């Protein structure tokens, strides 16, 4: 999937991505930035990602982030 970073708060260690396909926004966590070798991302920055769903929490979040 592709989208744009809507916000990122390094103090909280989480952010939100707005999806290009119009589906609901998805959260991402600081550890996914680290996994991608990124120190930080800025609002409006374009990224590709996969969506993983945690059935126990009933939430989806972005994984495998890549800066475009």
PDB file of N, CA and C in Angstrom:
ATOM      1  N   UNK A   1       0.838  -1.166   0.000  1.00  0.00           N
ATOM      2  CA  UNK A   1       0.000   0.000   0.000  1.00  0.00           C
ATOM      3  C   UNK A   1       0.888   1.235   0.000  1.00  0.00           C
ATOM      4  N   UNK A   2       0.303   2.348  -0.393  1.00  0.00           N
ATOM      5  CA  UNK A   2       1.018   3.615  -0.421  1.00  0.00           C
ATOM      6  C   UNK A   2       0.171   4.658   0.288  1.00  0.00           C
ATOM      7  N   UNK A   3       0.853   5.568   0.970  1.00  0.00           N
ATOM      8  CA  UNK A   3       0.143   6.627   1.667  1.00  0.00           C
ATOM      9  C   UNK A   3       1.092   7.737   2.062  1.00  0.00           C
ATOM     10  N   UNK A   4       0.577   8.655   2.850  1.00  0.00           N
ATOM     11  CA  UNK A   4       1.354   9.793   3.329  1.00  0.00           C
ATOM     12  C   UNK A   4       1.289   9.835   4.849  1.00  0.00           C
ATOM     13  N   UNK A   5       2.421  10.163   5.448  1.00  0.00           N
ATOM     14  CA  UNK A   5       2.456  10.299   6.903  1.00  0.00           C
ATOM     15  C   UNK A   5       1.584  11.486   7.277  1.00  0.00           C
ATOM     16  N   UNK A   6       0.616  11.232   8.109  1.00  0.00           N
ATOM     17  CA  UNK A   6      -0.288  12.281   8.577  1.00  0.00           C
ATOM     18  C   UNK A   6       0.326  12.989   9.782  1.00  0.00           C
ATOM     19  N   UNK A   7       0.918  12.191  10.671  1.00  0.00           N
ATOM     20  CA  UNK A   7       1.593  12.744  11.842  1.00  0.00           C
ATOM     21  C   UNK A   7       2.512  11.686  12.422  1.00  0.00           C
ATOM     22  N   UNK A   8       3.527  12.171  13.163  1.00  0.00           N
ATOM     23  CA  UNK A   8       4.416  11.274  13.891  1.00  0.00           C
ATOM     24  C   UNK A   8       4.886  11.997  15.144  1.00  0.00           C
ATOM     25  N   UNK A   9       4.737  11.361  16.283  1.00  0.00           N
ATOM     26  CA  UNK A   9       5.153  11.925  17.566  1.00  0.00           C
ATOM     27  C   UNK A   9       6.251  11.038  18.137  1.00  0.00           C
ATOM     28  N   UNK A  10       7.516  11.470  18.030  1.00  0.00           N
ATOM     29  CA  UNK A  10       8.609  10.625  18.525  1.00  0.00           C
ATOM     30  C   UNK A  10       8.544  10.384  20.027  1.00  0.00           C
ATOM     31  N   UNK A  11       7.959  11.294  20.784  1.00  0.00           N
ATOM     32  CA  UNK A  11       7.836  11.090  22.231  1.00  0.00           C
ATOM     33  C   UNK A  11       6.906   9.923  22.544  1.00  0.00           C
ATOM     34  N   UNK A  12       5.855   9.801  21.774  1.00  0.00           N
ATOM     35  CA  UNK A  12       4.906   8.693  21.976  1.00  0.00           C
ATOM     36  C   UNK A  12       5.361   7.436  21.237  1.00  0.00           C
ATOM     37  N   UNK A  13       6.215   7.624  20.231  1.00  0.00           N
ATOM     38  CA  UNK A  13       6.708   6.486  19.465  1.00  0.00           C
ATOM     39  C   UNK A  13       5.679   5.920  18.509  1.00  0.00           C
ATOM     40  N   UNK A  14       4.772   6.784  18.033  1.00  0.00           N
ATOM     41  CA  UNK A  14       3.755   6.309  17.087  1.00  0.00           C
ATOM     42  C   UNK A  14       3.342   7.426  16.135  1.00  0.00           C
ATOM     43  N   UNK A  15       2.725   7.008  15.054  1.00  0.00           N
ATOM     44  CA  UNK A  15       2.250   7.963  14.071  1.00  0.00           C
ATOM     45  C   UNK A  15       1.075   7.398  13.299  1.00  0.00           C
ATOM     46  N   UNK A  16       0.594   8.190  12.353  1.00  0.00           N
ATOM     47  CA  UNK A  16      -0.568   7.802  11.554  1.00  0.00           C
ATOM     48  C   UNK A  16      -0.250   8.007  10.081  1.00  0.00           C
ATOM     49  N   UNK A  17      -0.664   7.052   9.271  1.00  0.00           N
ATOM     50  CA  UNK A  17      -0.519   7.137   7.821  1.00  0.00           C
ATOM     51  C   UNK A  17      -1.904   7.220   7.203  1.00  0.00           C
ATOM     52  N   UNK A  18      -2.074   8.163   6.283  1.00  0.00           N
ATOM     53  CA  UNK A  18      -3.305   8.294   5.508  1.00  0.00           C
ATOM     54  C   UNK A  18      -3.121   7.489   4.230  1.00  0.00           C
ATOM     55  N   UNK A  19      -3.980   6.513   4.001  1.00  0.00           N
ATOM     56  CA  UNK A  19      -3.849   5.628   2.837  1.00  0.00           C
ATOM     57  C   UNK A  19      -4.352   6.303   1.558  1.00  0.00           C
ATOM     58  N   UNK A  20      -3.664   6.050   0.468  1.00  0.00           N
ATOM     59  CA  UNK A  20      -4.071   6.596  -0.831  1.00  0.00           C
ATOM     60  C   UNK A  20      -5.364   5.978  -1.348  1.00  0.00           C
ATOM     61  N   UNK A  21      -5.671   4.758  -0.917  1.00  0.00           N
ATOM     62  CA  UNK A  21      -6.849   4.063  -1.443  1.00  0.00           C
ATOM     63  C   UNK A  21      -8.152   4.470  -0.746  1.00  0.00           C
ATOM     64  N   UNK A  22      -8.070   5.425   0.191  1.00  0.00           N
ATOM     65  CA  UNK A  22      -9.278   5.912   0.849  1.00  0.00           C
ATOM     66  C   UNK A  22      -9.729   5.104   2.049  1.00  0.00           C
ATOM     67  N   UNK A  23      -9.072   3.996   2.313  1.00  0.00           N
ATOM     68  CA  UNK A  23      -9.415   3.210   3.498  1.00  0.00           C
ATOM     69  C   UNK A  23      -9.035   3.991   4.745  1.00  0.00           C
ATOM     70  N   UNK A  24      -9.499   3.551   5.920  1.00  0.00           N
ATOM     71  CA  UNK A  24      -9.179   4.274   7.160  1.00  0.00           C
ATOM     72  C   UNK A  24      -7.670   4.406   7.394  1.00  0.00           C
ATOM     73  N   UNK A  25      -7.302   5.489   8.080  1.00  0.00           N
ATOM     74  CA  UNK A  25      -5.903   5.709   8.444  1.00  0.00           C
ATOM     75  C   UNK A  25      -5.397   4.524   9.256  1.00  0.00           C
ATOM     76  N   UNK A  26      -4.072   4.343   9.227  1.00  0.00           N
ATOM     77  CA  UNK A  26      -3.462   3.228   9.950  1.00  0.00           C
ATOM     78  C   UNK A  26      -2.297   3.767  10.793  1.00  0.00           C
ATOM     79  N   UNK A  27      -2.160   3.211  12.001  1.00  0.00           N
ATOM     80  CA  UNK A  27      -1.077   3.614  12.899  1.00  0.00           C
ATOM     81  C   UNK A  27       0.206   2.883  12.550  1.00  0.00           C
ATOM     82  N   UNK A  28       1.327   3.494  12.914  1.00  0.00           N
ATOM     83  CA  UNK A  28       2.617   2.807  12.857  1.00  0.00           C
ATOM     84  C   UNK A  28       3.381   3.152  14.126  1.00  0.00           C
ATOM     85  N   UNK A  29       4.367   2.321  14.416  1.00  0.00           N
ATOM     86  CA  UNK A  29       5.129   2.484  15.653  1.00  0.00           C
ATOM     87  C   UNK A  29       6.605   2.710  15.348  1.00  0.00           C
ATOM     88  N   UNK A  30       7.307   3.337  16.284  1.00  0.00           N
ATOM     89  CA  UNK A  30       8.708   3.702  16.110  1.00  0.00           C
ATOM     90  C   UNK A  30       9.578   2.500  15.752  1.00  0.00           C
ATOM     91  N   UNK A  31       9.269   1.329  16.280  1.00  0.00           N
ATOM     92  CA  UNK A  31      10.086   0.156  15.960  1.00  0.00           C
ATOM     93  C   UNK A  31      10.039  -0.166  14.471  1.00  0.00           C
ATOM     94  N   UNK A  32       8.942   0.168  13.790  1.00  0.00           N
ATOM     95  CA  UNK A  32       8.867  -0.051  12.338  1.00  0.00           C
ATOM     96  C   UNK A  32       9.785   0.922  11.596  1.00  0.00           C
ATOM     97  N   UNK A  33       9.933   2.131  12.123  1.00  0.00           N
ATOM     98  CA  UNK A  33      10.897   3.070  11.529  1.00  0.00           C
ATOM     99  C   UNK A  33      12.308   2.520  11.690  1.00  0.00           C
ATOM    100  N   UNK A  34      12.623   2.035  12.879  1.00  0.00           N
ATOM    101  CA  UNK A  34      13.939   1.453  13.137  1.00  0.00           C
ATOM    102  C   UNK A  34      14.200   0.270  12.218  1.00  0.00           C
ATOM    103  N   UNK A  35      13.210  -0.593  12.052  1.00  0.00           N
ATOM    104  CA  UNK A  35      13.355  -1.749  11.163  1.00  0.00           C
ATOM    105  C   UNK A  35      13.647  -1.326   9.725  1.00  0.00           C
ATOM    106  N   UNK A  36      13.113  -0.163   9.329  1.00  0.00           N
ATOM    107  CA  UNK A  36      13.309   0.346   7.971  1.00  0.00           C
ATOM    108  C   UNK A  36      14.591   1.172   7.843  1.00  0.00           C
ATOM    109  N   UNK A  37      15.302   1.359   8.966  1.00  0.00           N
ATOM    110  CA  UNK A  37      16.520   2.153   8.933  1.00  0.00           C
ATOM    111  C   UNK A  37      16.261   3.650   8.882  1.00  0.00           C
ATOM    112  N   UNK A  38      15.086   4.068   9.330  1.00  0.00           N
ATOM    113  CA  UNK A  38      14.720   5.481   9.320  1.00  0.00           C
ATOM    114  C   UNK A  38      14.774   6.042  10.738  1.00  0.00           C
ATOM    115  N   UNK A  39      15.362   7.225  10.889  1.00  0.00           N
ATOM    116  CA  UNK A  39      15.416   7.858  12.204  1.00  0.00           C
ATOM    117  C   UNK A  39      14.074   8.515  12.530  1.00  0.00           C
ATOM    118  N   UNK A  40      13.431   9.071  11.515  1.00  0.00           N
ATOM    119  CA  UNK A  40      12.170   9.777  11.715  1.00  0.00           C
ATOM    120  C   UNK A  40      11.492   9.954  10.355  1.00  0.00           C
ATOM    121  N   UNK A  41      10.251  10.390  10.385  1.00  0.00           N
ATOM    122  CA  UNK A  41       9.518  10.759   9.171  1.00  0.00           C
ATOM    123  C   UNK A  41       8.789  12.061   9.442  1.00  0.00           C
ATOM    124  N   UNK A  42       8.517  12.795   8.385  1.00  0.00           N
ATOM    125  CA  UNK A  42       7.839  14.081   8.514  1.00  0.00           C
ATOM    126  C   UNK A  42       6.420  13.991   7.970  1.00  0.00           C
ATOM    127  N   UNK A  43       5.563  14.845   8.466  1.00  0.00           N
ATOM    128  CA  UNK A  43       4.188  14.916   7.958  1.00  0.00           C
ATOM    129  C   UNK A  43       4.228  15.183   6.460  1.00  0.00           C
ATOM    130  N   UNK A  44       3.395  14.457   5.716  1.00  0.00           N
ATOM    131  CA  UNK A  44       3.324  14.608   4.277  1.00  0.00           C
ATOM    132  C   UNK A  44       4.279  13.713   3.514  1.00  0.00           C
ATOM    133  N   UNK A  45       5.225  13.087   4.205  1.00  0.00           N
ATOM    134  CA  UNK A  45       6.185  12.216   3.541  1.00  0.00           C
ATOM    135  C   UNK A  45       5.484  10.966   3.015  1.00  0.00           C
ATOM    136  N   UNK A  46       5.845  10.571   1.797  1.00  0.00           N
ATOM    137  CA  UNK A  46       5.224   9.416   1.142  1.00  0.00           C
ATOM    138  C   UNK A  46       5.932   8.137   1.554  1.00  0.00           C
ATOM    139  N   UNK A  47       5.140   7.113   1.849  1.00  0.00           N
ATOM    140  CA  UNK A  47       5.679   5.818   2.263  1.00  0.00           C
ATOM    141  C   UNK A  47       4.873   4.680   1.641  1.00  0.00           C
ATOM    142  N   UNK A  48       5.543   3.552   1.489  1.00  0.00           N
ATOM    143  CA  UNK A  48       4.828   2.320   1.155  1.00  0.00           C
ATOM    144  C   UNK A  48       4.870   1.463   2.413  1.00  0.00           C
ATOM    145  N   UNK A  49       3.912   0.570   2.548  1.00  0.00           N
ATOM    146  CA  UNK A  49       3.792  -0.222   3.770  1.00  0.00           C
ATOM    147  C   UNK A  49       2.856  -1.393   3.548  1.00  0.00           C
ATOM    148  N   UNK A  50       2.918  -2.333   4.460  1.00  0.00           N
ATOM    149  CA  UNK A  50       1.961  -3.432   4.525  1.00  0.00           C
ATOM    150  C   UNK A  50       1.120  -3.207   5.772  1.00  0.00           C
ATOM    151  N   UNK A  51      -0.045  -3.811   5.803  1.00  0.00           N
ATOM    152  CA  UNK A  51      -0.919  -3.688   6.964  1.00  0.00           C
ATOM    153  C   UNK A  51      -1.018  -5.045   7.652  1.00  0.00           C
ATOM    154  N   UNK A  52      -0.769  -5.031   8.954  1.00  0.00           N
ATOM    155  CA  UNK A  52      -0.883  -6.236   9.771  1.00  0.00           C
ATOM    156  C   UNK A  52      -2.016  -6.018  10.765  1.00  0.00           C
ATOM    157  N   UNK A  53      -2.836  -7.040  10.961  1.00  0.00           N
ATOM    158  CA  UNK A  53      -3.947  -6.944  11.900  1.00  0.00           C
ATOM    159  C   UNK A  53      -3.673  -7.834  13.104  1.00  0.00           C
ATOM    160  N   UNK A  54      -3.800  -7.243  14.282  1.00  0.00           N
ATOM    161  CA  UNK A  54      -3.680  -7.987  15.537  1.00  0.00           C
ATOM    162  C   UNK A  54      -5.099  -8.355  15.951  1.00  0.00           C
ATOM    163  N   UNK A  55      -5.453  -9.610  15.778  1.00  0.00           N
ATOM    164  CA  UNK A  55      -6.816 -10.053  16.061  1.00  0.00           C
ATOM    165  C   UNK A  55      -7.179  -9.923  17.533  1.00  0.00           C
ATOM    166  N   UNK A  56      -6.208 -10.110  18.425  1.00  0.00           N
ATOM    167  CA  UNK A  56      -6.481  -9.993  19.859  1.00  0.00           C
ATOM    168  C   UNK A  56      -6.842  -8.553  20.228  1.00  0.00           C
ATOM    169  N   UNK A  57      -6.132  -7.601  19.628  1.00  0.00           N
ATOM    170  CA  UNK A  57      -6.407  -6.187  19.910  1.00  0.00           C
ATOM    171  C   UNK A  57      -7.482  -5.592  19.003  1.00  0.00           C
ATOM    172  N   UNK A  58      -7.796  -6.318  17.933  1.00  0.00           N
ATOM    173  CA  UNK A  58      -8.757  -5.845  16.935  1.00  0.00           C
ATOM    174  C   UNK A  58      -8.323  -4.507  16.343  1.00  0.00           C
ATOM    175  N   UNK A  59      -7.010  -4.423  16.027  1.00  0.00           N
ATOM    176  CA  UNK A  59      -6.444  -3.218  15.434  1.00  0.00           C
ATOM    177  C   UNK A  59      -5.491  -3.595  14.311  1.00  0.00           C
ATOM    178  N   UNK A  60      -5.393  -2.699  13.347  1.00  0.00           N
ATOM    179  CA  UNK A  60      -4.448  -2.858  12.262  1.00  0.00           C
ATOM    180  C   UNK A  60      -3.354  -1.808  12.414  1.00  0.00           C
ATOM    181  N   UNK A  61      -2.150  -2.163  11.959  1.00  0.00           N
ATOM    182  CA  UNK A  61      -1.069  -1.203  11.988  1.00  0.00           C
ATOM    183  C   UNK A  61      -0.137  -1.456  10.814  1.00  0.00           C
ATOM    184  N   UNK A  62       0.637  -0.422  10.474  1.00  0.00           N
ATOM    185  CA  UNK A  62       1.541  -0.485   9.328  1.00  0.00           C
ATOM    186  C   UNK A  62       2.857  -1.156   9.698  1.00  0.00           C
ATOM    187  N   UNK A  63       3.350  -2.011   8.810  1.00  0.00           N
ATOM    188  CA  UNK A  63       4.635  -2.661   8.968  1.00  0.00           C
ATOM    189  C   UNK A  63       5.384  -2.549   7.646  1.00  0.00           C
ATOM    190  N   UNK A  64       6.661  -2.900   7.645  1.00  0.00           N
ATOM    191  CA  UNK A  64       7.487  -2.885   6.429  1.00  0.00           C
ATOM    192  C   UNK A  64       7.471  -1.523   5.736  1.00  0.00           C
ATOM    193  N   UNK A  65       7.659  -0.470   6.510  1.00  0.00           N
ATOM    194  CA  UNK A  65       7.657   0.883   5.949  1.00  0.00           C
ATOM    195  C   UNK A  65       8.859   1.111   5.040  1.00  0.00           C
ATOM    196  N   UNK A  66       8.609   1.816   3.944  1.00  0.00           N
ATOM    197  CA  UNK A  66       9.663   2.220   3.022  1.00  0.00           C
ATOM    198  C   UNK A  66       9.380   3.633   2.568  1.00  0.00           C
ATOM    199  N   UNK A  67      10.373   4.499   2.668  1.00  0.00           N
ATOM    200  CA  UNK A  67      10.234   5.885   2.210  1.00  0.00           C
ATOM    201  C   UNK A  67      10.259   5.907   0.680  1.00  0.00           C
ATOM    202  N   UNK A  68       9.338   6.634   0.089  1.00  0.00           N
ATOM    203  CA  UNK A  68       9.298   6.732  -1.384  1.00  0.00           C
ATOM    204  C   UNK A  68       9.986   7.989  -1.865  1.00  0.00           C
TER     205      UNK A  68
END
